[in-house]
């Protein structure tokens, strides 16, 4: 395809695409990639932070629900979950407990925290039943998002 190139010469000018001038240069592509990388670096921590706080809130609600299920189990059987069965007694009738009227939770997923670690159950030294999630790290203790989540937690005022 030929274009008129003005009064300067009599030679026709070719289309820019035919000369190879169409498209983006490597520099332009790199600039765009750097800008996208900077945007992702600025936004990603906020999204990850929201995900972590959502999992912590979900774990607190889950511990509250499992604690209520333990209370109903205690009312029915006269005892708290104990021994090697642990919280599985909320799903399956333990041997020798005739008054079991469960299941007390809908599925085994209810006994696993949002990070995939099984919930723990303990009777505190003051006799209060306590349900524990080991947090994001799946290990006892920890700080921040890796901290254990305990229900009931009398240290919080919310």
Protein backbone atom coordinates (compact mmCIF):
# COMPACT_ATOMS: atom_id res chain seq x y z
CA UNK A 1 0.00 0.00 0.00
CA UNK A 2 1.43 3.36 -0.96
CA UNK A 3 0.80 6.73 0.65
CA UNK A 4 1.43 10.21 -0.67
CA UNK A 5 4.41 11.63 1.22
CA UNK A 6 4.03 15.27 0.42
CA UNK A 7 5.83 17.62 -1.98
CA UNK A 8 9.34 16.58 -1.01
CA UNK A 9 9.96 13.66 -3.33
CA UNK A 10 8.20 11.71 -5.96
CA UNK A 11 8.76 8.38 -4.17
CA UNK A 12 5.72 6.93 -2.50
CA UNK A 13 5.86 6.33 1.26
CA UNK A 14 5.03 2.85 2.57
CA UNK A 15 2.56 2.03 5.36
CA UNK A 16 4.09 2.15 8.92
CA UNK A 17 3.07 -1.47 9.53
CA UNK A 18 4.90 -2.58 6.41
CA UNK A 19 8.08 -0.83 7.64
CA UNK A 20 7.88 -2.65 11.01
CA UNK A 21 7.09 0.50 13.02
CA UNK A 22 3.80 -0.83 14.45
CA UNK A 23 3.62 -2.20 18.04
CA UNK A 24 5.44 -1.41 21.28
CA UNK A 25 9.13 -1.26 21.98
CA UNK A 26 10.81 -3.40 24.62
CA UNK A 27 11.34 -0.31 26.77
CA UNK A 28 7.65 0.54 26.68
CA UNK A 29 6.75 -3.01 27.66
CA UNK A 30 9.25 -2.95 30.56
CA UNK A 31 7.85 0.34 31.85
CA UNK A 32 4.34 -1.10 31.85
CA UNK A 33 5.57 -4.24 33.65
CA UNK A 34 7.31 -2.16 36.34
CA UNK A 35 4.18 -0.07 36.90
CA UNK A 36 2.02 -3.21 37.23
CA UNK A 37 4.56 -4.72 39.63
CA UNK A 38 4.50 -1.62 41.81
CA UNK A 39 0.70 -1.64 41.90
CA UNK A 40 0.65 -5.33 42.85
CA UNK A 41 3.25 -4.73 45.59
CA UNK A 42 1.14 -1.93 47.03
CA UNK A 43 -2.16 -3.82 46.96
CA UNK A 44 -1.14 -7.40 47.84
CA UNK A 45 -0.29 -6.79 51.54
CA UNK A 46 -3.72 -5.28 52.13
CA UNK A 47 -5.44 -8.29 50.60
CA UNK A 48 -3.28 -10.77 52.54
CA UNK A 49 -3.89 -8.81 55.75
CA UNK A 50 -7.64 -8.99 55.20
CA UNK A 51 -7.43 -12.72 54.54
CA UNK A 52 -5.53 -13.29 57.79
CA UNK A 53 -7.96 -11.24 59.87
CA UNK A 54 -10.90 -13.03 58.24
CA UNK A 55 -9.46 -16.42 59.15
CA UNK A 56 -8.93 -15.28 62.75
CA UNK A 57 -12.55 -14.09 62.98
CA UNK A 58 -13.77 -17.33 61.41
CA UNK A 59 -11.72 -19.34 63.92
CA UNK A 60 -13.23 -17.41 66.85
CA UNK A 61 -16.75 -18.07 65.58
CA UNK A 62 -15.92 -21.72 64.99
CA UNK A 63 -14.53 -22.11 68.53
CA UNK A 64 -17.70 -20.56 69.91
CA UNK A 65 -19.85 -23.03 67.94
CA UNK A 66 -17.76 -26.06 68.95
CA UNK A 67 -17.85 -24.89 72.56
CA UNK A 68 -21.66 -24.79 72.41
CA UNK A 69 -21.64 -28.32 70.95
CA UNK A 70 -19.42 -29.46 73.82
CA UNK A 71 -21.89 -27.95 76.29
CA UNK A 72 -24.77 -29.90 74.71
CA UNK A 73 -22.64 -33.08 74.77
CA UNK A 74 -21.96 -32.44 78.47
CA UNK A 75 -25.66 -31.95 79.20
CA UNK A 76 -26.53 -35.21 77.39
CA UNK A 77 -23.75 -37.41 78.76
CA UNK A 78 -22.75 -35.76 82.04
CA UNK A 79 -19.10 -35.61 80.98
CA UNK A 80 -16.78 -33.60 78.79
CA UNK A 81 -14.87 -35.12 75.85
CA UNK A 82 -11.78 -36.82 77.18
CA UNK A 83 -9.06 -39.31 76.45
CA UNK A 84 -7.97 -40.51 73.06
CA UNK A 85 -11.33 -39.78 71.40
CA UNK A 86 -11.01 -36.03 71.98
CA UNK A 87 -13.49 -33.95 70.01
CA UNK A 88 -14.39 -36.91 67.78
CA UNK A 89 -17.07 -37.76 70.38
CA UNK A 90 -19.02 -34.83 68.95
CA UNK A 91 -19.32 -36.79 65.68
CA UNK A 92 -19.29 -40.44 66.70
CA UNK A 93 -20.72 -42.14 69.78
CA UNK A 94 -17.97 -43.20 72.19
CA UNK A 95 -18.00 -46.71 73.61
CA UNK A 96 -19.85 -47.03 76.89
CA UNK A 97 -21.84 -43.78 76.69
CA UNK A 98 -25.48 -44.75 76.32
CA UNK A 99 -26.89 -41.23 76.61
CA UNK A 100 -24.98 -39.90 73.58
CA UNK A 101 -27.53 -38.12 71.38
CA UNK A 102 -25.34 -36.73 68.58
CA UNK A 103 -23.82 -35.97 66.28
CA UNK A 104 -23.23 -32.58 67.85
CA UNK A 105 -21.43 -31.07 64.84
CA UNK A 106 -22.32 -31.43 61.15
CA UNK A 107 -19.03 -32.70 59.75
CA UNK A 108 -15.39 -33.37 60.61
CA UNK A 109 -14.58 -30.01 58.98
CA UNK A 110 -16.18 -28.32 61.99
CA UNK A 111 -13.39 -29.73 64.16
CA UNK A 112 -10.57 -28.29 62.03
CA UNK A 113 -9.55 -24.62 62.18
CA UNK A 114 -9.36 -22.39 59.06
CA UNK A 115 -5.65 -23.28 58.68
CA UNK A 116 -6.36 -27.03 58.56
CA UNK A 117 -5.18 -27.92 62.08
CA UNK A 118 -7.46 -30.01 64.34
CA UNK A 119 -8.99 -28.08 67.24
CA UNK A 120 -7.90 -28.94 70.76
CA UNK A 121 -10.03 -29.30 73.87
CA UNK A 122 -8.85 -28.91 77.45
CA UNK A 123 -10.34 -28.44 80.87
CA UNK A 124 -8.58 -25.48 82.46
CA UNK A 125 -7.21 -25.60 86.01
CA UNK A 126 -10.30 -23.70 87.14
CA UNK A 127 -12.56 -26.36 85.56
CA UNK A 128 -13.63 -24.30 82.55
CA UNK A 129 -13.86 -26.21 79.24
CA UNK A 130 -11.59 -24.53 76.70
CA UNK A 131 -11.40 -24.97 72.92
CA UNK A 132 -8.12 -23.99 71.25
CA UNK A 133 -6.98 -23.27 67.70
CA UNK A 134 -3.20 -23.22 67.27
CA UNK A 135 -3.40 -20.31 64.82
CA UNK A 136 -1.72 -19.90 61.45
CA UNK A 137 1.51 -21.68 62.40
CA UNK A 138 -0.22 -24.79 63.79
CA UNK A 139 2.09 -24.81 66.82
CA UNK A 140 1.42 -23.87 70.45
CA UNK A 141 2.14 -20.25 71.36
CA UNK A 142 3.10 -17.66 68.80
CA UNK A 143 2.49 -13.98 68.22
CA UNK A 144 0.33 -12.00 65.82
CA UNK A 145 -1.43 -14.17 63.26
CA UNK A 146 0.43 -17.23 64.56
CA UNK A 147 -0.97 -16.77 68.09
CA UNK A 148 -3.24 -19.41 69.58
CA UNK A 149 -6.94 -18.59 69.64
CA UNK A 150 -8.67 -19.70 72.83
CA UNK A 151 -12.38 -19.87 73.67
CA UNK A 152 -13.49 -18.62 76.07
CA UNK A 153 -10.85 -15.89 76.10
CA UNK A 154 -11.35 -13.82 79.22
CA UNK A 155 -8.50 -11.48 78.29
CA UNK A 156 -10.61 -9.83 75.54
CA UNK A 157 -13.23 -7.23 76.22
CA UNK A 158 -15.36 -7.60 73.08
